Structures are given as structure tokens and as C-alpha cells.
Amino acid sequence: YDFILKCHFFYHLIQNFLWVISGSPKKIHEL
């Protein structure tokens, strides 16, 4: 269960990283 939560977090972390560095038009959190 801990592994599932950790994977869930890192999936979304990398997704947002991709959106930041690619200049995605998606609305993301200001932080």
C-alpha cells in the first residue's frame, strides 16, 4: 500500500515537472 501511494505521488510529480519545462498551457499550481 505504501508503494502504491509513493508511485501515485511520483507519477503526478513527474507529470507536473513535464508541464513546467515544456511550457504546457495546462493550468497548474503557482508553486
Full PDB file with SEQRES, HELIX, SHEET, SSBOND, CRYST1, ORIGX, SCALE, CONECT and MASTER records, all heavy atoms in Angstrom:
SEQRES   1 A   31  TYR ASP PHE ILE LEU LYS CYS HIS PHE PHE TYR HIS LEU          
SEQRES   2 A   31  ILE GLN ASN PHE LEU TRP VAL ILE SER GLY SER PRO LYS          
SEQRES   3 A   31  LYS ILE HIS GLU LEU                                          
HELIX    1 AA1 ASP A    2  SER A   22  1                                  21    
CRYST1    1.000    1.000    1.000  90.00  90.00  90.00 P 1           1          
ORIGX1      1.000000  0.000000  0.000000        0.00000                         
ORIGX2      0.000000  1.000000  0.000000        0.00000                         
ORIGX3      0.000000  0.000000  1.000000        0.00000                         
SCALE1      1.000000  0.000000  0.000000        0.00000                         
SCALE2      0.000000  1.000000  0.000000        0.00000                         
SCALE3      0.000000  0.000000  1.000000        0.00000                         
ATOM      1  N   TYR A   1       0.833  -1.207   0.000  1.00  0.00           N  
ATOM      2  CA  TYR A   1       0.000   0.000   0.000  1.00  0.00           C  
ATOM      3  C   TYR A   1       0.865   1.253   0.000  1.00  0.00           C  
ATOM      4  O   TYR A   1       0.584   2.223  -0.714  1.00  0.00           O  
ATOM      5  CB  TYR A   1      -0.926   0.006   1.211  1.00  0.00           C  
ATOM      6  CG  TYR A   1      -2.088  -0.963   1.145  1.00  0.00           C  
ATOM      7  CD1 TYR A   1      -2.694  -1.429   2.314  1.00  0.00           C  
ATOM      8  CD2 TYR A   1      -2.605  -1.401  -0.072  1.00  0.00           C  
ATOM      9  CE1 TYR A   1      -3.775  -2.314   2.257  1.00  0.00           C  
ATOM     10  CE2 TYR A   1      -3.669  -2.272  -0.134  1.00  0.00           C  
ATOM     11  CZ  TYR A   1      -4.250  -2.730   1.034  1.00  0.00           C  
ATOM     12  OH  TYR A   1      -5.312  -3.586   0.981  1.00  0.00           O  
ATOM     13  N   ASP A   2       1.930   1.257   0.807  1.00  0.00           N  
ATOM     14  CA  ASP A   2       2.842   2.409   0.839  1.00  0.00           C  
ATOM     15  C   ASP A   2       3.484   2.623  -0.531  1.00  0.00           C  
ATOM     16  O   ASP A   2       3.663   3.764  -0.979  1.00  0.00           O  
ATOM     17  CB  ASP A   2       3.937   2.191   1.888  1.00  0.00           C  
ATOM     18  CG  ASP A   2       3.416   2.274   3.311  1.00  0.00           C  
ATOM     19  OD1 ASP A   2       2.328   2.847   3.523  1.00  0.00           O  
ATOM     20  OD2 ASP A   2       4.098   1.752   4.219  1.00  0.00           O  
ATOM     21  N   PHE A   3       3.829   1.534  -1.194  1.00  0.00           N  
ATOM     22  CA  PHE A   3       4.434   1.609  -2.522  1.00  0.00           C  
ATOM     23  C   PHE A   3       3.463   2.218  -3.525  1.00  0.00           C  
ATOM     24  O   PHE A   3       3.848   3.047  -4.364  1.00  0.00           O  
ATOM     25  CB  PHE A   3       4.851   0.201  -2.971  1.00  0.00           C  
ATOM     26  CG  PHE A   3       5.466   0.147  -4.340  1.00  0.00           C  
ATOM     27  CD1 PHE A   3       6.804   0.441  -4.529  1.00  0.00           C  
ATOM     28  CD2 PHE A   3       4.705  -0.215  -5.445  1.00  0.00           C  
ATOM     29  CE1 PHE A   3       7.371   0.379  -5.796  1.00  0.00           C  
ATOM     30  CE2 PHE A   3       5.256  -0.275  -6.711  1.00  0.00           C  
ATOM     31  CZ  PHE A   3       6.604   0.023  -6.888  1.00  0.00           C  
ATOM     32  N   ILE A   4       2.193   1.826  -3.446  1.00  0.00           N  
ATOM     33  CA  ILE A   4       1.171   2.368  -4.352  1.00  0.00           C  
ATOM     34  C   ILE A   4       1.058   3.877  -4.182  1.00  0.00           C  
ATOM     35  O   ILE A   4       1.044   4.630  -5.165  1.00  0.00           O  
ATOM     36  CB  ILE A   4      -0.188   1.689  -4.098  1.00  0.00           C  
ATOM     37  CG1 ILE A   4      -0.148   0.233  -4.563  1.00  0.00           C  
ATOM     38  CG2 ILE A   4      -1.321   2.442  -4.800  1.00  0.00           C  
ATOM     39  CD1 ILE A   4      -1.369  -0.579  -4.167  1.00  0.00           C  
ATOM     40  N   LEU A   5       0.984   4.337  -2.936  1.00  0.00           N  
ATOM     41  CA  LEU A   5       0.877   5.782  -2.685  1.00  0.00           C  
ATOM     42  C   LEU A   5       2.116   6.521  -3.185  1.00  0.00           C  
ATOM     43  O   LEU A   5       2.007   7.624  -3.732  1.00  0.00           O  
ATOM     44  CB  LEU A   5       0.679   6.040  -1.194  1.00  0.00           C  
ATOM     45  CG  LEU A   5      -0.692   5.720  -0.613  1.00  0.00           C  
ATOM     46  CD1 LEU A   5      -0.703   5.978   0.893  1.00  0.00           C  
ATOM     47  CD2 LEU A   5      -1.778   6.555  -1.292  1.00  0.00           C  
ATOM     48  N   LYS A   6       3.270   5.907  -3.009  1.00  0.00           N  
ATOM     49  CA  LYS A   6       4.507   6.553  -3.449  1.00  0.00           C  
ATOM     50  C   LYS A   6       4.545   6.663  -4.969  1.00  0.00           C  
ATOM     51  O   LYS A   6       4.914   7.707  -5.515  1.00  0.00           O  
ATOM     52  CB  LYS A   6       5.710   5.763  -2.938  1.00  0.00           C  
ATOM     53  CG  LYS A   6       7.022   6.515  -3.028  1.00  0.00           C  
ATOM     54  CD  LYS A   6       8.119   5.798  -2.246  1.00  0.00           C  
ATOM     55  CE  LYS A   6       9.369   6.661  -2.169  1.00  0.00           C  
ATOM     56  NZ  LYS A   6      10.436   5.986  -1.385  1.00  0.00           N  
ATOM     57  N   CYS A   7       4.154   5.602  -5.664  1.00  0.00           N  
ATOM     58  CA  CYS A   7       4.104   5.651  -7.132  1.00  0.00           C  
ATOM     59  C   CYS A   7       3.099   6.696  -7.605  1.00  0.00           C  
ATOM     60  O   CYS A   7       3.342   7.419  -8.570  1.00  0.00           O  
ATOM     61  CB  CYS A   7       3.732   4.276  -7.695  1.00  0.00           C  
ATOM     62  SG  CYS A   7       5.036   3.046  -7.593  1.00  0.00           S  
ATOM     63  N   HIS A   8       1.963   6.754  -6.925  1.00  0.00           N  
ATOM     64  CA  HIS A   8       0.919   7.733  -7.273  1.00  0.00           C  
ATOM     65  C   HIS A   8       1.474   9.151  -7.173  1.00  0.00           C  
ATOM     66  O   HIS A   8       1.261   9.984  -8.067  1.00  0.00           O  
ATOM     67  CB  HIS A   8      -0.265   7.548  -6.325  1.00  0.00           C  
ATOM     68  CG  HIS A   8      -1.456   8.372  -6.664  1.00  0.00           C  
ATOM     69  ND1 HIS A   8      -2.318   8.061  -7.694  1.00  0.00           N  
ATOM     70  CD2 HIS A   8      -1.956   9.509  -6.109  1.00  0.00           C  
ATOM     71  CE1 HIS A   8      -3.283   8.952  -7.753  1.00  0.00           C  
ATOM     72  NE2 HIS A   8      -3.083   9.845  -6.809  1.00  0.00           N  
ATOM     73  N   PHE A   9       2.206   9.417  -6.101  1.00  0.00           N  
ATOM     74  CA  PHE A   9       2.799  10.743  -5.902  1.00  0.00           C  
ATOM     75  C   PHE A   9       3.815  11.049  -6.997  1.00  0.00           C  
ATOM     76  O   PHE A   9       3.783  12.124  -7.615  1.00  0.00           O  
ATOM     77  CB  PHE A   9       3.472  10.815  -4.531  1.00  0.00           C  
ATOM     78  CG  PHE A   9       4.316  12.040  -4.337  1.00  0.00           C  
ATOM     79  CD1 PHE A   9       3.751  13.236  -3.928  1.00  0.00           C  
ATOM     80  CD2 PHE A   9       5.690  12.007  -4.571  1.00  0.00           C  
ATOM     81  CE1 PHE A   9       4.525  14.379  -3.757  1.00  0.00           C  
ATOM     82  CE2 PHE A   9       6.473  13.139  -4.398  1.00  0.00           C  
ATOM     83  CZ  PHE A   9       5.889  14.325  -3.994  1.00  0.00           C  
ATOM     84  N   PHE A  10       4.723  10.115  -7.267  1.00  0.00           N  
ATOM     85  CA  PHE A  10       5.804  10.405  -8.215  1.00  0.00           C  
ATOM     86  C   PHE A  10       5.301  10.482  -9.651  1.00  0.00           C  
ATOM     87  O   PHE A  10       5.876  11.217 -10.461  1.00  0.00           O  
ATOM     88  CB  PHE A  10       6.943   9.396  -8.054  1.00  0.00           C  
ATOM     89  CG  PHE A  10       7.870   9.764  -6.944  1.00  0.00           C  
ATOM     90  CD1 PHE A  10       7.709   9.207  -5.681  1.00  0.00           C  
ATOM     91  CD2 PHE A  10       8.863  10.702  -7.131  1.00  0.00           C  
ATOM     92  CE1 PHE A  10       8.546   9.572  -4.638  1.00  0.00           C  
ATOM     93  CE2 PHE A  10       9.702  11.080  -6.093  1.00  0.00           C  
ATOM     94  CZ  PHE A  10       9.541  10.510  -4.839  1.00  0.00           C  
ATOM     95  N   TYR A  11       4.262   9.756  -9.968  1.00  0.00           N  
ATOM     96  CA  TYR A  11       3.654   9.916 -11.292  1.00  0.00           C  
ATOM     97  C   TYR A  11       3.206  11.363 -11.490  1.00  0.00           C  
ATOM     98  O   TYR A  11       3.526  11.996 -12.502  1.00  0.00           O  
ATOM     99  CB  TYR A  11       2.466   8.973 -11.457  1.00  0.00           C  
ATOM    100  CG  TYR A  11       1.612   9.311 -12.655  1.00  0.00           C  
ATOM    101  CD1 TYR A  11       1.998   8.934 -13.935  1.00  0.00           C  
ATOM    102  CD2 TYR A  11       0.427  10.047 -12.514  1.00  0.00           C  
ATOM    103  CE1 TYR A  11       1.227   9.274 -15.051  1.00  0.00           C  
ATOM    104  CE2 TYR A  11      -0.345  10.380 -13.616  1.00  0.00           C  
ATOM    105  CZ  TYR A  11       0.059   9.986 -14.874  1.00  0.00           C  
ATOM    106  OH  TYR A  11      -0.707  10.338 -15.962  1.00  0.00           O  
ATOM    107  N   HIS A  12       2.462  11.891 -10.533  1.00  0.00           N  
ATOM    108  CA  HIS A  12       1.952  13.261 -10.660  1.00  0.00           C  
ATOM    109  C   HIS A  12       3.069  14.299 -10.540  1.00  0.00           C  
ATOM    110  O   HIS A  12       3.001  15.361 -11.172  1.00  0.00           O  
ATOM    111  CB  HIS A  12       0.866  13.519  -9.618  1.00  0.00           C  
ATOM    112  CG  HIS A  12      -0.407  12.795  -9.916  1.00  0.00           C  
ATOM    113  ND1 HIS A  12      -1.196  13.096 -11.008  1.00  0.00           N  
ATOM    114  CD2 HIS A  12      -1.034  11.778  -9.282  1.00  0.00           C  
ATOM    115  CE1 HIS A  12      -2.244  12.298 -11.025  1.00  0.00           C  
ATOM    116  NE2 HIS A  12      -2.167  11.492  -9.997  1.00  0.00           N  
ATOM    117  N   LEU A  13       4.088  14.004  -9.755  1.00  0.00           N  
ATOM    118  CA  LEU A  13       5.233  14.904  -9.651  1.00  0.00           C  
ATOM    119  C   LEU A  13       5.916  15.043 -11.009  1.00  0.00           C  
ATOM    120  O   LEU A  13       6.191  16.159 -11.476  1.00  0.00           O  
ATOM    121  CB  LEU A  13       6.221  14.364  -8.617  1.00  0.00           C  
ATOM    122  CG  LEU A  13       7.469  15.216  -8.393  1.00  0.00           C  
ATOM    123  CD1 LEU A  13       7.128  16.465  -7.592  1.00  0.00           C  
ATOM    124  CD2 LEU A  13       8.551  14.407  -7.674  1.00  0.00           C  
ATOM    125  N   ILE A  14       6.187  13.919 -11.661  1.00  0.00           N  
ATOM    126  CA  ILE A  14       6.856  13.954 -12.964  1.00  0.00           C  
ATOM    127  C   ILE A  14       5.952  14.585 -14.018  1.00  0.00           C  
ATOM    128  O   ILE A  14       6.416  15.314 -14.898  1.00  0.00           O  
ATOM    129  CB  ILE A  14       7.280  12.532 -13.380  1.00  0.00           C  
ATOM    130  CG1 ILE A  14       8.274  11.961 -12.368  1.00  0.00           C  
ATOM    131  CG2 ILE A  14       7.908  12.538 -14.779  1.00  0.00           C  
ATOM    132  CD1 ILE A  14       8.509  10.470 -12.506  1.00  0.00           C  
ATOM    133  N   GLN A  15       4.666  14.328 -13.929  1.00  0.00           N  
ATOM    134  CA  GLN A  15       3.721  14.930 -14.873  1.00  0.00           C  
ATOM    135  C   GLN A  15       3.760  16.452 -14.784  1.00  0.00           C  
ATOM    136  O   GLN A  15       3.821  17.148 -15.804  1.00  0.00           O  
ATOM    137  CB  GLN A  15       2.311  14.416 -14.593  1.00  0.00           C  
ATOM    138  CG  GLN A  15       1.269  14.930 -15.583  1.00  0.00           C  
ATOM    139  CD  GLN A  15      -0.102  14.359 -15.298  1.00  0.00           C  
ATOM    140  OE1 GLN A  15      -0.652  14.582 -14.219  1.00  0.00           O  
ATOM    141  NE2 GLN A  15      -0.654  13.618 -16.244  1.00  0.00           N  
ATOM    142  N   ASN A  16       3.738  16.972 -13.585  1.00  0.00           N  
ATOM    143  CA  ASN A  16       3.781  18.426 -13.416  1.00  0.00           C  
ATOM    144  C   ASN A  16       5.138  18.995 -13.815  1.00  0.00           C  
ATOM    145  O   ASN A  16       5.213  20.105 -14.358  1.00  0.00           O  
ATOM    146  CB  ASN A  16       3.441  18.793 -11.971  1.00  0.00           C  
ATOM    147  CG  ASN A  16       1.947  18.827 -11.722  1.00  0.00           C  
ATOM    148  OD1 ASN A  16       1.275  19.813 -11.987  1.00  0.00           O  
ATOM    149  ND2 ASN A  16       1.411  17.723 -11.214  1.00  0.00           N  
ATOM    150  N   PHE A  17       6.207  18.254 -13.545  1.00  0.00           N  
ATOM    151  CA  PHE A  17       7.537  18.673 -13.995  1.00  0.00           C  
ATOM    152  C   PHE A  17       7.561  18.807 -15.510  1.00  0.00           C  
ATOM    153  O   PHE A  17       8.072  19.795 -16.058  1.00  0.00           O  
ATOM    154  CB  PHE A  17       8.579  17.660 -13.522  1.00  0.00           C  
ATOM    155  CG  PHE A  17       9.961  17.910 -14.034  1.00  0.00           C  
ATOM    156  CD1 PHE A  17      10.653  19.057 -13.685  1.00  0.00           C  
ATOM    157  CD2 PHE A  17      10.579  16.990 -14.878  1.00  0.00           C  
ATOM    158  CE1 PHE A  17      11.948  19.291 -14.156  1.00  0.00           C  
ATOM    159  CE2 PHE A  17      11.862  17.206 -15.349  1.00  0.00           C  
ATOM    160  CZ  PHE A  17      12.546  18.366 -14.985  1.00  0.00           C  
ATOM    161  N   LEU A  18       6.981  17.823 -16.191  1.00  0.00           N  
ATOM    162  CA  LEU A  18       6.905  17.868 -17.655  1.00  0.00           C  
ATOM    163  C   LEU A  18       6.131  19.077 -18.122  1.00  0.00           C  
ATOM    164  O   LEU A  18       6.534  19.764 -19.068  1.00  0.00           O  
ATOM    165  CB  LEU A  18       6.263  16.577 -18.175  1.00  0.00           C  
ATOM    166  CG  LEU A  18       5.955  16.510 -19.680  1.00  0.00           C  
ATOM    167  CD1 LEU A  18       7.215  16.748 -20.510  1.00  0.00           C  
ATOM    168  CD2 LEU A  18       5.332  15.164 -20.027  1.00  0.00           C  
ATOM    169  N   TRP A  19       5.016  19.355 -17.472  1.00  0.00           N  
ATOM    170  CA  TRP A  19       4.211  20.517 -17.859  1.00  0.00           C  
ATOM    171  C   TRP A  19       4.974  21.826 -17.657  1.00  0.00           C  
ATOM    172  O   TRP A  19       4.868  22.751 -18.463  1.00  0.00           O  
ATOM    173  CB  TRP A  19       2.917  20.541 -17.060  1.00  0.00           C  
ATOM    174  CG  TRP A  19       1.936  19.492 -17.495  1.00  0.00           C  
ATOM    175  CD1 TRP A  19       1.955  18.767 -18.639  1.00  0.00           C  
ATOM    176  CD2 TRP A  19       0.774  19.050 -16.774  1.00  0.00           C  
ATOM    177  NE1 TRP A  19       0.894  17.892 -18.696  1.00  0.00           N  
ATOM    178  CE2 TRP A  19       0.153  18.049 -17.567  1.00  0.00           C  
ATOM    179  CE3 TRP A  19       0.214  19.385 -15.554  1.00  0.00           C  
ATOM    180  CZ2 TRP A  19      -1.016  17.403 -17.161  1.00  0.00           C  
ATOM    181  CZ3 TRP A  19      -0.944  18.735 -15.144  1.00  0.00           C  
ATOM    182  CH2 TRP A  19      -1.551  17.751 -15.950  1.00  0.00           C  
ATOM    183  N   VAL A  20       5.762  21.902 -16.589  1.00  0.00           N  
ATOM    184  CA  VAL A  20       6.529  23.119 -16.317  1.00  0.00           C  
ATOM    185  C   VAL A  20       7.601  23.328 -17.372  1.00  0.00           C  
ATOM    186  O   VAL A  20       7.719  24.410 -17.969  1.00  0.00           O  
ATOM    187  CB  VAL A  20       7.168  23.057 -14.907  1.00  0.00           C  
ATOM    188  CG1 VAL A  20       8.211  24.176 -14.739  1.00  0.00           C  
ATOM    189  CG2 VAL A  20       6.093  23.192 -13.830  1.00  0.00           C  
ATOM    190  N   ILE A  21       8.421  22.315 -17.624  1.00  0.00           N  
ATOM    191  CA  ILE A  21       9.566  22.516 -18.518  1.00  0.00           C  
ATOM    192  C   ILE A  21       9.151  22.604 -19.986  1.00  0.00           C  
ATOM    193  O   ILE A  21       9.883  23.168 -20.804  1.00  0.00           O  
ATOM    194  CB  ILE A  21      10.623  21.409 -18.335  1.00  0.00           C  
ATOM    195  CG1 ILE A  21      10.097  20.046 -18.792  1.00  0.00           C  
ATOM    196  CG2 ILE A  21      11.104  21.356 -16.899  1.00  0.00           C  
ATOM    197  CD1 ILE A  21      11.153  18.952 -18.746  1.00  0.00           C  
ATOM    198  N   SER A  22       7.986  22.066 -20.309  1.00  0.00           N  
ATOM    199  CA  SER A  22       7.533  22.122 -21.705  1.00  0.00           C  
ATOM    200  C   SER A  22       6.674  23.353 -21.990  1.00  0.00           C  
ATOM    201  O   SER A  22       6.270  23.570 -23.135  1.00  0.00           O  
ATOM    202  CB  SER A  22       6.740  20.855 -22.048  1.00  0.00           C  
ATOM    203  OG  SER A  22       5.545  20.789 -21.288  1.00  0.00           O  
ATOM    204  N   GLY A  23       6.391  24.158 -20.950  1.00  0.00           N  
ATOM    205  CA  GLY A  23       5.542  25.327 -21.149  1.00  0.00           C  
ATOM    206  C   GLY A  23       4.124  24.955 -21.506  1.00  0.00           C  
ATOM    207  O   GLY A  23       3.466  25.634 -22.299  1.00  0.00           O  
ATOM    208  N   SER A  24       3.624  23.881 -20.924  1.00  0.00           N  
ATOM    209  CA  SER A  24       2.268  23.412 -21.227  1.00  0.00           C  
ATOM    210  C   SER A  24       1.233  24.485 -20.910  1.00  0.00           C  
ATOM    211  O   SER A  24       1.346  25.200 -19.905  1.00  0.00           O  
ATOM    212  CB  SER A  24       1.958  22.149 -20.405  1.00  0.00           C  
ATOM    213  OG  SER A  24       0.587  21.817 -20.488  1.00  0.00           O  
ATOM    214  N   PRO A  25       0.210  24.613 -21.753  1.00  0.00           N  
ATOM    215  CA  PRO A  25      -0.849  25.597 -21.492  1.00  0.00           C  
ATOM    216  C   PRO A  25      -1.782  25.186 -20.364  1.00  0.00           C  
ATOM    217  O   PRO A  25      -2.656  25.952 -19.974  1.00  0.00           O  
ATOM    218  CB  PRO A  25      -1.608  25.638 -22.831  1.00  0.00           C  
ATOM    219  CG  PRO A  25      -1.384  24.292 -23.429  1.00  0.00           C  
ATOM    220  CD  PRO A  25       0.018  23.896 -23.017  1.00  0.00           C  
ATOM    221  N   LYS A  26      -1.608  23.949 -19.834  1.00  0.00           N  
ATOM    222  CA  LYS A  26      -2.467  23.497 -18.753  1.00  0.00           C  
ATOM    223  C   LYS A  26      -2.299  24.397 -17.531  1.00  0.00           C  
ATOM    224  O   LYS A  26      -1.198  24.863 -17.225  1.00  0.00           O  
ATOM    225  CB  LYS A  26      -2.155  22.050 -18.371  1.00  0.00           C  
ATOM    226  CG  LYS A  26      -2.542  21.041 -19.440  1.00  0.00           C  
ATOM    227  CD  LYS A  26      -2.262  19.626 -18.975  1.00  0.00           C  
ATOM    228  CE  LYS A  26      -2.652  18.611 -20.031  1.00  0.00           C  
ATOM    229  NZ  LYS A  26      -4.110  18.552 -20.220  1.00  0.00           N  
ATOM    230  N   LYS A  27      -3.385  24.640 -16.839  1.00  0.00           N  
ATOM    231  CA  LYS A  27      -3.349  25.460 -15.636  1.00  0.00           C  
ATOM    232  C   LYS A  27      -2.796  24.634 -14.490  1.00  0.00           C  
ATOM    233  O   LYS A  27      -3.402  23.648 -14.070  1.00  0.00           O  
ATOM    234  CB  LYS A  27      -4.743  25.972 -15.295  1.00  0.00           C  
ATOM    235  CG  LYS A  27      -4.762  26.936 -14.104  1.00  0.00           C  
ATOM    236  CD  LYS A  27      -6.170  27.449 -13.836  1.00  0.00           C  
ATOM    237  CE  LYS A  27      -6.163  28.422 -12.655  1.00  0.00           C  
ATOM    238  NZ  LYS A  27      -7.531  28.924 -12.364  1.00  0.00           N  
ATOM    239  N   ILE A  28      -1.629  25.014 -13.990  1.00  0.00           N  
ATOM    240  CA  ILE A  28      -1.015  24.274 -12.899  1.00  0.00           C  
ATOM    241  C   ILE A  28      -0.852  25.188 -11.689  1.00  0.00           C  
ATOM    242  O   ILE A  28      -0.940  26.412 -11.783  1.00  0.00           O  
ATOM    243  CB  ILE A  28       0.349  23.687 -13.308  1.00  0.00           C  
ATOM    244  CG1 ILE A  28       1.316  24.801 -13.719  1.00  0.00           C  
ATOM    245  CG2 ILE A  28       0.177  22.681 -14.436  1.00  0.00           C  
ATOM    246  CD1 ILE A  28       2.712  24.298 -14.032  1.00  0.00           C  
ATOM    247  N   HIS A  29      -0.588  24.582 -10.562  1.00  0.00           N  
ATOM    248  CA  HIS A  29      -0.434  25.326  -9.326  1.00  0.00           C  
ATOM    249  C   HIS A  29       0.750  26.282  -9.438  1.00  0.00           C  
ATOM    250  O   HIS A  29       1.794  25.952 -10.020  1.00  0.00           O  
ATOM    251  CB  HIS A  29      -0.222  24.345  -8.164  1.00  0.00           C  
ATOM    252  CG  HIS A  29      -0.403  24.957  -6.812  1.00  0.00           C  
ATOM    253  ND1 HIS A  29       0.528  25.792  -6.241  1.00  0.00           N  
ATOM    254  CD2 HIS A  29      -1.428  24.862  -5.921  1.00  0.00           C  
ATOM    255  CE1 HIS A  29       0.111  26.170  -5.043  1.00  0.00           C  
ATOM    256  NE2 HIS A  29      -1.080  25.620  -4.821  1.00  0.00           N  
ATOM    257  N   GLU A  30       0.605  27.459  -8.849  1.00  0.00           N  
ATOM    258  CA  GLU A  30       1.627  28.505  -8.972  1.00  0.00           C  
ATOM    259  C   GLU A  30       2.962  28.109  -8.339  1.00  0.00           C  
ATOM    260  O   GLU A  30       4.008  28.692  -8.663  1.00  0.00           O  
ATOM    261  CB  GLU A  30       1.128  29.788  -8.311  1.00  0.00           C  
ATOM    262  CG  GLU A  30       0.805  29.638  -6.830  1.00  0.00           C  
ATOM    263  CD  GLU A  30       0.199  30.888  -6.225  1.00  0.00           C  
ATOM    264  OE1 GLU A  30      -0.127  31.812  -6.991  1.00  0.00           O  
ATOM    265  OE2 GLU A  30       0.052  30.930  -5.000  1.00  0.00           O  
ATOM    266  N   LEU A  31       2.961  27.117  -7.461  1.00  0.00           N  
ATOM    267  CA  LEU A  31       4.200  26.722  -6.800  1.00  0.00           C  
ATOM    268  C   LEU A  31       5.068  25.786  -7.639  1.00  0.00           C  
ATOM    269  O   LEU A  31       6.237  25.569  -7.324  1.00  0.00           O  
ATOM    270  CB  LEU A  31       3.887  26.019  -5.469  1.00  0.00           C  
ATOM    271  CG  LEU A  31       3.345  26.894  -4.336  1.00  0.00           C  
ATOM    272  CD1 LEU A  31       3.032  26.031  -3.114  1.00  0.00           C  
ATOM    273  CD2 LEU A  31       4.347  27.987  -3.968  1.00  0.00           C  
TER     274      LEU A  31                                                      
MASTER        0    0    0    1    0    0    0    6  273    1    0    3          
END                                                                             
